[in-house]
Amino acid sequence: QVQLVESGGGLVPAGGSLRLSCAASGSTFSINLMGWYRQAPGKQRELVAAISSGGSTNYADSVKGRFTISRDNTKNTVYLQMNSLKPEDTAVYYCNTKRYNGYVYWGQGTQVTVSS
């Protein structure tokens, strides 16, 4: 089992920045991918960014150049630095991890609201 605790969401004006953090605990030795998804009201959950244990990253086109995902394997923590935020970035952001055995875990979600 892997437990995920997110922090860092909040209300920010358009153009502002936020940094999300997600700390993993439990069977962290077997974590491969860590990432962030988001879900806006009335929309499907979508991938924002992901990072492998080796540091390879993947971003949604809508956030490329504005968001940066990083990972501290010594702390089992993944970060999402969000800059130049837009109102359309408003959503609940979920931390996600995938173990090498394929098991997937989700955090409880943190609200990000960008005011126009």
Protein backbone atom coordinates (compact mmCIF):
# COMPACT_ATOMS: atom_id res chain seq x y z
CA GLN A 1 0.00 0.00 0.00
CA VAL A 2 1.02 3.56 -0.69
CA GLN A 3 -0.50 6.56 1.04
CA LEU A 4 -0.38 9.99 -0.59
CA VAL A 5 -0.83 13.34 1.15
CA GLU A 6 -1.12 16.46 -0.98
CA SER A 7 -0.67 20.08 0.01
CA GLY A 8 -0.25 23.48 -1.55
CA GLY A 9 -3.55 24.21 -3.25
CA GLY A 10 -5.40 27.47 -2.85
CA LEU A 11 -6.77 30.60 -4.47
CA VAL A 12 -4.49 32.65 -6.70
CA PRO A 13 -5.07 35.44 -9.24
CA ALA A 14 -4.45 34.82 -12.91
CA GLY A 15 -0.75 35.03 -13.67
CA GLY A 16 0.18 33.86 -10.21
CA SER A 17 2.02 30.77 -9.03
CA LEU A 18 1.42 27.83 -6.74
CA ARG A 19 3.49 24.84 -5.74
CA LEU A 20 1.82 21.54 -5.00
CA SER A 21 3.50 18.82 -2.96
CA CYS A 22 2.63 15.16 -2.56
CA ALA A 23 4.34 12.99 0.02
CA ALA A 24 4.17 9.23 -0.33
CA SER A 25 4.42 6.76 2.53
CA GLY A 26 4.10 3.02 2.90
CA SER A 27 5.54 0.75 0.19
CA THR A 28 7.43 3.57 -1.46
CA PHE A 29 10.36 1.38 -2.52
CA SER A 30 8.33 0.04 -5.44
CA ILE A 31 7.06 3.34 -6.84
CA ASN A 32 7.85 3.96 -10.50
CA LEU A 33 5.75 6.80 -11.83
CA MET A 34 4.53 9.81 -9.86
CA GLY A 35 2.29 12.43 -11.34
CA TRP A 36 -0.49 14.94 -11.12
CA TYR A 37 -3.95 14.79 -12.64
CA ARG A 38 -6.70 17.35 -12.46
CA GLN A 39 -10.46 17.38 -12.75
CA ALA A 40 -12.52 20.47 -13.40
CA PRO A 41 -16.28 20.54 -12.76
CA GLY A 42 -18.12 18.65 -15.47
CA LYS A 43 -14.93 17.40 -17.09
CA GLN A 44 -12.99 14.17 -17.06
CA ARG A 45 -9.87 13.75 -15.01
CA GLU A 46 -6.82 14.48 -17.13
CA LEU A 47 -3.09 14.04 -16.84
CA VAL A 48 -1.20 17.22 -16.04
CA ALA A 49 2.34 15.93 -15.64
CA ALA A 50 4.20 12.77 -14.70
CA ILE A 51 7.75 11.84 -13.80
CA SER A 52 9.43 8.46 -13.72
CA SER A 53 11.82 7.18 -11.09
CA GLY A 54 14.62 8.02 -13.50
CA GLY A 55 13.46 11.60 -13.98
CA SER A 56 11.78 11.40 -17.38
CA THR A 57 8.87 13.81 -17.58
CA ASN A 58 5.66 14.11 -19.55
CA TYR A 59 3.35 17.13 -19.69
CA ALA A 60 -0.08 17.93 -21.04
CA ASP A 61 0.19 20.35 -23.95
CA SER A 62 -1.91 22.89 -22.07
CA VAL A 63 0.68 23.27 -19.30
CA LYS A 64 3.96 22.94 -21.17
CA GLY A 65 6.23 25.87 -20.46
CA ARG A 66 4.21 26.91 -17.40
CA PHE A 67 4.28 23.89 -15.07
CA THR A 68 7.28 21.93 -13.87
CA ILE A 69 7.14 18.55 -12.18
CA SER A 70 9.98 17.38 -9.99
CA ARG A 71 10.65 14.60 -7.59
CA ASP A 72 12.76 14.01 -4.49
CA ASN A 73 13.24 10.28 -4.20
CA THR A 74 14.92 10.63 -0.79
CA LYS A 75 11.71 12.17 0.57
CA ASN A 76 9.31 10.18 -1.65
CA THR A 77 7.77 13.48 -2.63
CA VAL A 78 6.64 14.87 -5.96
CA TYR A 79 6.16 18.57 -6.64
CA LEU A 80 4.27 20.57 -9.22
CA GLN A 81 5.41 24.14 -9.70
CA MET A 82 2.66 26.03 -11.48
CA ASN A 83 3.45 29.42 -12.97
CA SER A 84 1.47 31.82 -15.15
CA LEU A 85 -1.74 30.27 -13.91
CA LYS A 86 -4.90 30.74 -15.93
CA PRO A 87 -8.55 30.52 -14.88
CA GLU A 88 -8.82 27.35 -16.97
CA ASP A 89 -6.29 25.71 -14.64
CA THR A 90 -8.96 25.77 -11.93
CA ALA A 91 -9.59 22.19 -10.84
CA VAL A 92 -9.06 19.63 -8.13
CA TYR A 93 -5.52 18.35 -8.50
CA TYR A 94 -4.81 14.74 -7.61
CA CYS A 95 -1.48 13.12 -6.90
CA ASN A 96 -1.00 9.73 -8.50
CA THR A 97 1.59 7.02 -8.17
CA LYS A 98 2.10 3.77 -10.03
CA ARG A 99 4.15 0.94 -8.62
CA TYR A 100 6.26 -1.38 -10.73
CA ASN A 101 3.64 -4.10 -10.22
CA GLY A 102 1.06 -1.87 -11.88
CA TYR A 103 -0.87 -0.85 -8.79
CA VAL A 104 -2.09 2.75 -8.89
CA TYR A 105 -2.77 5.00 -5.91
CA TRP A 106 -4.48 8.38 -5.64
CA GLY A 107 -4.31 11.23 -3.19
CA GLN A 108 -7.39 12.90 -1.78
CA GLY A 109 -7.09 15.93 -4.05
CA THR A 110 -6.35 19.58 -3.47
CA GLN A 111 -8.35 22.48 -4.88
CA VAL A 112 -6.64 25.02 -7.10
CA THR A 113 -8.70 28.07 -7.99
CA VAL A 114 -7.41 30.77 -10.35
CA SER A 115 -9.40 33.98 -10.35
CA SER A 116 -9.66 36.14 -13.46
